[in-house]
């Protein structure tokens, strides 16, 4: 079965961003659509795809849980092949999708297939389980990387992440009062999810312009 994509943004963009979804919501979820539209508004071409377990939920009504992240690496590589992007390509995703992308990034970067990696809410550890870190491969990551993280994300808070050993290739962009979906509480912060998505998209746009 081939890989299906949802494409947003101009075909003439200087860069394409390939995004995978999180563990529990599909590629056309409200949060994925909002992120893609924000990036497209900044002139980036965005391609979204689904892992097979999520596509099965859509087509068969299945509610199977996602497989372990390392078992999805091949599917991410297949998506890169199917997209067959000849221009500047950045890979990434939301939560689990970004984690899987980070696990294949260096292989693709070293081969000259991608220019960078973005993660929207990286799941540094499961909620309430701060000792179960998912950071070993991030310590020596060579791919230029942007991680957008809400300051109250239960998968990795500011104080927790500050204690991790992360590669110098990784730049963390903290979004005030954001949760795992990057959504802030307006009554607390005065900010909205649209504000954070605009910040994210503008940062990605300027960052991709300087990638080799």
Foldseek 3Di string as FASTA:
>chain_A
DAWDKDKAADPPAQEEEEAEEDFPDHCPDPLNVLLQVLLRVLRYIYIYTYQPVVVCCVVPVDPDGDDPLCVCLVVVVRVLVRVPDPHAYEYAYAASRRLSCQVCVQVCVVVVSHQAYEYQQYQQDPQPCLVRGPCPSQLARPGQYEYEHEQAESSAHPVSVVPDRGDPSYDYDYQYQQYSSGAHDCVVVVDGSSVVSNVVSVVVSVVSVPTD
